[in-house]
Amino acid sequence: MTVPYDVEVINVGKSPTKHPVPQHEINRILVSLAREGKTVVRLKGGDPYVFGRGGEEVHACLEAGIDVEVVPGVTSALSVPALAGIPVTQRGVATSLLVTTGHAGADAAAVAAMASGATVVFLMGVKALPGIVEAAQGAGCAATTPVAIIENGTTSRERVTRGTLADISRIARETGVKPPAIIVVGDVARPGLLASAVAATPDPKGD
């Protein structure tokens, strides 16, 4: 990204293991600079309202009497699987989708969604993967349920690791899967799905 030479850039980026600028300090910076009469752009990757703490930052500004305009982004929960060739919904395969944070493993909603055959996308769930798998199988999900893990999505370092609920924890451990990564659980993560007859448009009489 190129910005004019006179634009002040403040890096408040985070990584899975490093949070150099805490959220309350980010809020303070936004409010402080806006009160100086500056036009402030909070640039985020993906959608600021999908686990991006955008709501907290907007609240801080509104509470300080500062008007805010939100420009929607495309969440990594959808864009990263798409770029990796995984449709999060597909006619005849999955008609519903749940996006959840994987920090604490699979919550009740995620477990129910996996058990129903919905696509479940876990963000920030690499460390909790064994627990997610255990919860899914405990809810009756088939051991053969496909799982795909996409590391460093949309970058030159992107890597897709595939398996099933029966073996994905072992595969991820043996191949050294690391965050940031997105985990897709469900039949849409089946290898070669879009090249198979399953993805073909049905006969018009039954469409």
Protein backbone atom coordinates (compact mmCIF):
# COMPACT_ATOMS: atom_id res chain seq x y z
CA MET A 1 0.00 0.00 0.00
CA THR A 2 1.26 3.46 -0.92
CA VAL A 3 0.22 6.53 1.05
CA PRO A 4 1.14 10.22 0.58
CA TYR A 5 4.41 11.27 2.22
CA ASP A 6 2.67 13.54 4.71
CA VAL A 7 0.37 10.85 6.12
CA GLU A 8 1.20 9.72 9.65
CA VAL A 9 1.21 5.93 9.91
CA ILE A 10 0.86 4.24 13.29
CA ASN A 11 1.36 0.49 13.32
CA VAL A 12 -0.90 -1.22 15.86
CA GLY A 13 -0.89 -4.61 14.16
CA LYS A 14 -1.14 -7.86 16.08
CA SER A 15 0.11 -11.38 15.53
CA PRO A 16 -1.09 -14.58 17.20
CA THR A 17 1.66 -14.33 19.82
CA LYS A 18 2.32 -10.60 19.95
CA HIS A 19 -0.04 -7.76 20.87
CA PRO A 20 2.26 -4.74 21.19
CA VAL A 21 -0.55 -2.18 21.40
CA PRO A 22 -3.47 -3.19 23.66
CA GLN A 23 -7.00 -2.50 22.51
CA HIS A 24 -7.68 0.28 25.01
CA GLU A 25 -4.60 2.11 23.73
CA ILE A 26 -5.77 1.75 20.13
CA ASN A 27 -9.10 3.25 21.16
CA ARG A 28 -7.30 6.14 22.86
CA ILE A 29 -5.16 6.85 19.79
CA LEU A 30 -8.20 6.97 17.50
CA VAL A 31 -10.06 9.37 19.76
CA SER A 32 -7.03 11.55 20.51
CA LEU A 33 -6.08 12.08 16.87
CA ALA A 34 -9.67 12.72 15.80
CA ARG A 35 -10.02 15.35 18.52
CA GLU A 36 -7.01 17.10 17.00
CA GLY A 37 -9.14 17.60 13.90
CA LYS A 38 -7.37 14.96 11.83
CA THR A 39 -9.02 12.53 9.46
CA VAL A 40 -8.25 9.14 10.96
CA VAL A 41 -8.41 5.88 9.02
CA ARG A 42 -8.32 2.66 11.00
CA LEU A 43 -7.17 0.19 8.35
CA LYS A 44 -7.94 -3.44 9.12
CA GLY A 45 -7.57 -6.67 7.21
CA GLY A 46 -10.85 -8.39 6.39
CA ASP A 47 -14.12 -7.26 7.92
CA PRO A 48 -13.74 -5.07 11.03
CA TYR A 49 -16.94 -6.47 12.52
CA VAL A 50 -15.94 -10.14 12.25
CA PHE A 51 -13.67 -10.76 15.26
CA GLY A 52 -11.89 -7.52 14.40
CA ARG A 53 -12.95 -5.50 17.45
CA GLY A 54 -14.37 -2.92 15.10
CA GLY A 55 -17.42 -2.54 17.30
CA GLU A 56 -15.29 -1.64 20.31
CA GLU A 57 -13.42 1.01 18.37
CA VAL A 58 -16.59 2.54 16.93
CA HIS A 59 -18.09 2.61 20.43
CA ALA A 60 -15.05 4.46 21.80
CA CYS A 61 -15.34 7.08 19.07
CA LEU A 62 -19.09 7.54 19.38
CA GLU A 63 -18.80 7.83 23.15
CA ALA A 64 -16.29 10.65 22.56
CA GLY A 65 -18.68 12.39 20.18
CA ILE A 66 -16.72 11.50 17.04
CA ASP A 67 -18.58 10.56 13.85
CA VAL A 68 -17.51 7.30 12.24
CA GLU A 69 -17.93 5.85 8.75
CA VAL A 70 -17.39 2.11 8.41
CA VAL A 71 -16.23 0.73 5.06
CA PRO A 72 -17.08 -2.98 4.92
CA GLY A 73 -14.36 -5.49 4.17
CA VAL A 74 -14.36 -9.14 3.11
CA THR A 75 -13.81 -11.44 6.05
CA SER A 76 -11.01 -14.00 5.83
CA ALA A 77 -13.56 -16.62 6.91
CA LEU A 78 -14.98 -16.44 3.38
CA SER A 79 -12.17 -15.10 1.21
CA VAL A 80 -9.39 -17.43 2.34
CA PRO A 81 -11.33 -20.68 1.73
CA ALA A 82 -12.55 -19.29 -1.61
CA LEU A 83 -9.02 -18.58 -2.80
CA ALA A 84 -8.04 -22.10 -1.72
CA GLY A 85 -10.82 -23.55 -3.86
CA ILE A 86 -13.21 -24.30 -0.99
CA PRO A 87 -16.80 -23.01 -1.34
CA VAL A 88 -18.15 -22.58 2.18
CA THR A 89 -21.61 -23.42 0.82
CA GLN A 90 -22.39 -25.61 -2.17
CA ARG A 91 -25.74 -26.78 -3.49
CA GLY A 92 -26.32 -30.36 -2.51
CA VAL A 93 -23.41 -30.35 -0.09
CA ALA A 94 -23.87 -27.60 2.50
CA THR A 95 -26.59 -24.97 2.68
CA SER A 96 -25.63 -23.32 5.96
CA LEU A 97 -22.50 -21.84 7.47
CA LEU A 98 -21.24 -20.97 10.95
CA VAL A 99 -18.23 -18.76 11.56
CA THR A 100 -16.77 -18.96 15.04
CA THR A 101 -13.65 -18.14 17.00
CA GLY A 102 -11.61 -21.20 17.85
CA HIS A 103 -9.77 -19.67 20.81
CA ALA A 104 -11.72 -21.74 23.32
CA GLY A 105 -12.41 -24.69 21.06
CA ALA A 106 -15.86 -25.59 19.77
CA ASP A 107 -18.75 -23.98 21.62
CA ALA A 108 -22.26 -25.46 21.71
CA ALA A 109 -23.32 -23.68 18.51
CA ALA A 110 -20.28 -24.94 16.60
CA VAL A 111 -20.77 -28.50 17.85
CA ALA A 112 -24.43 -28.46 16.84
CA ALA A 113 -23.58 -27.02 13.42
CA MET A 114 -20.94 -29.66 12.73
CA ALA A 115 -23.31 -32.42 13.84
CA SER A 116 -26.01 -31.10 11.48
CA GLY A 117 -23.71 -31.16 8.46
CA ALA A 118 -23.24 -27.40 8.19
CA THR A 119 -19.92 -25.88 7.20
CA VAL A 120 -18.09 -24.55 10.25
CA VAL A 121 -15.20 -22.10 9.83
CA PHE A 122 -12.94 -21.66 12.84
CA LEU A 123 -10.78 -18.56 13.08
CA MET A 124 -7.80 -18.58 15.46
CA GLY A 125 -8.32 -22.25 16.28
CA VAL A 126 -5.02 -23.98 15.59
CA LYS A 127 -4.08 -24.54 19.24
CA ALA A 128 -7.59 -25.75 20.05
CA LEU A 129 -7.78 -28.17 17.09
CA PRO A 130 -7.59 -31.40 19.16
CA GLY A 131 -10.44 -30.18 21.37
CA ILE A 132 -12.50 -29.16 18.35
CA VAL A 133 -12.06 -32.61 16.85
CA GLU A 134 -12.95 -34.31 20.12
CA ALA A 135 -16.09 -32.20 20.52
CA ALA A 136 -17.20 -32.90 16.95
CA GLN A 137 -16.76 -36.64 17.25
CA GLY A 138 -18.41 -36.61 20.66
CA ALA A 139 -21.47 -35.03 19.04
CA GLY A 140 -21.67 -37.85 16.51
CA CYS A 141 -19.85 -36.32 13.55
CA ALA A 142 -18.44 -38.96 11.24
CA ALA A 143 -14.72 -39.58 11.55
CA THR A 144 -14.55 -39.21 7.77
CA THR A 145 -15.78 -35.60 7.85
CA PRO A 146 -13.33 -33.55 5.74
CA VAL A 147 -11.22 -30.83 7.35
CA ALA A 148 -9.00 -28.26 5.65
CA ILE A 149 -6.55 -25.91 7.36
CA ILE A 150 -5.37 -22.89 5.38
CA GLU A 151 -2.28 -21.19 6.74
CA ASN A 152 -1.24 -17.65 5.74
CA GLY A 153 -4.17 -17.36 3.36
CA THR A 154 -3.87 -15.10 0.30
CA THR A 155 -0.10 -14.75 0.74
CA SER A 156 2.84 -16.34 -1.06
CA ARG A 157 3.25 -18.57 2.01
CA GLU A 158 -0.25 -20.03 1.82
CA ARG A 159 -0.44 -23.73 2.59
CA VAL A 160 -3.50 -25.99 2.67
CA THR A 161 -3.42 -29.06 4.89
CA ARG A 162 -6.22 -31.58 4.51
CA GLY A 163 -7.47 -34.54 6.45
CA THR A 164 -10.54 -35.83 8.25
CA LEU A 165 -11.73 -35.57 11.81
CA ALA A 166 -10.03 -38.93 12.37
CA ASP A 167 -6.54 -37.79 11.43
CA ILE A 168 -6.33 -34.00 11.06
CA SER A 169 -4.87 -33.44 14.54
CA ARG A 170 -2.03 -35.85 13.82
CA ILE A 171 -1.44 -34.47 10.33
CA ALA A 172 -1.39 -30.89 11.62
CA ARG A 173 1.09 -31.84 14.32
CA GLU A 174 3.37 -33.76 11.96
CA THR A 175 3.37 -31.05 9.30
CA GLY A 176 3.86 -28.23 11.80
CA VAL A 177 0.68 -26.27 11.14
CA LYS A 178 0.93 -22.84 12.75
CA PRO A 179 -1.28 -19.76 13.03
CA PRO A 180 -2.50 -17.64 11.43
CA ALA A 181 -4.75 -20.26 9.91
CA ILE A 182 -8.38 -20.90 9.13
CA ILE A 183 -9.97 -24.29 9.76
CA VAL A 184 -12.88 -25.46 7.60
CA VAL A 185 -14.88 -28.45 8.82
CA GLY A 186 -17.51 -30.04 6.60
CA ASP A 187 -18.09 -31.80 3.30
CA VAL A 188 -17.19 -28.66 1.34
CA ALA A 189 -13.57 -29.22 2.42
CA ARG A 190 -13.44 -32.48 0.49
CA PRO A 191 -10.44 -32.53 -1.90
CA GLY A 192 -11.43 -32.06 -5.52
CA LEU A 193 -15.04 -31.17 -4.69
CA LEU A 194 -15.41 -28.51 -7.39
CA ALA A 195 -13.96 -30.82 -10.04
CA SER A 196 -16.41 -33.60 -9.18
CA ALA A 197 -19.91 -34.28 -10.46
CA VAL A 198 -21.27 -33.18 -7.09
CA ALA A 199 -20.61 -29.54 -8.04
CA ALA A 200 -22.25 -29.76 -11.46
CA THR A 201 -25.45 -27.87 -12.20
CA PRO A 202 -28.31 -30.37 -12.05
CA ASP A 203 -30.71 -31.09 -14.90
CA PRO A 204 -32.93 -28.00 -15.44
CA LYS A 205 -36.03 -30.09 -14.73
CA GLY A 206 -34.90 -30.53 -11.16
CA ASP A 207 -33.34 -27.08 -10.67
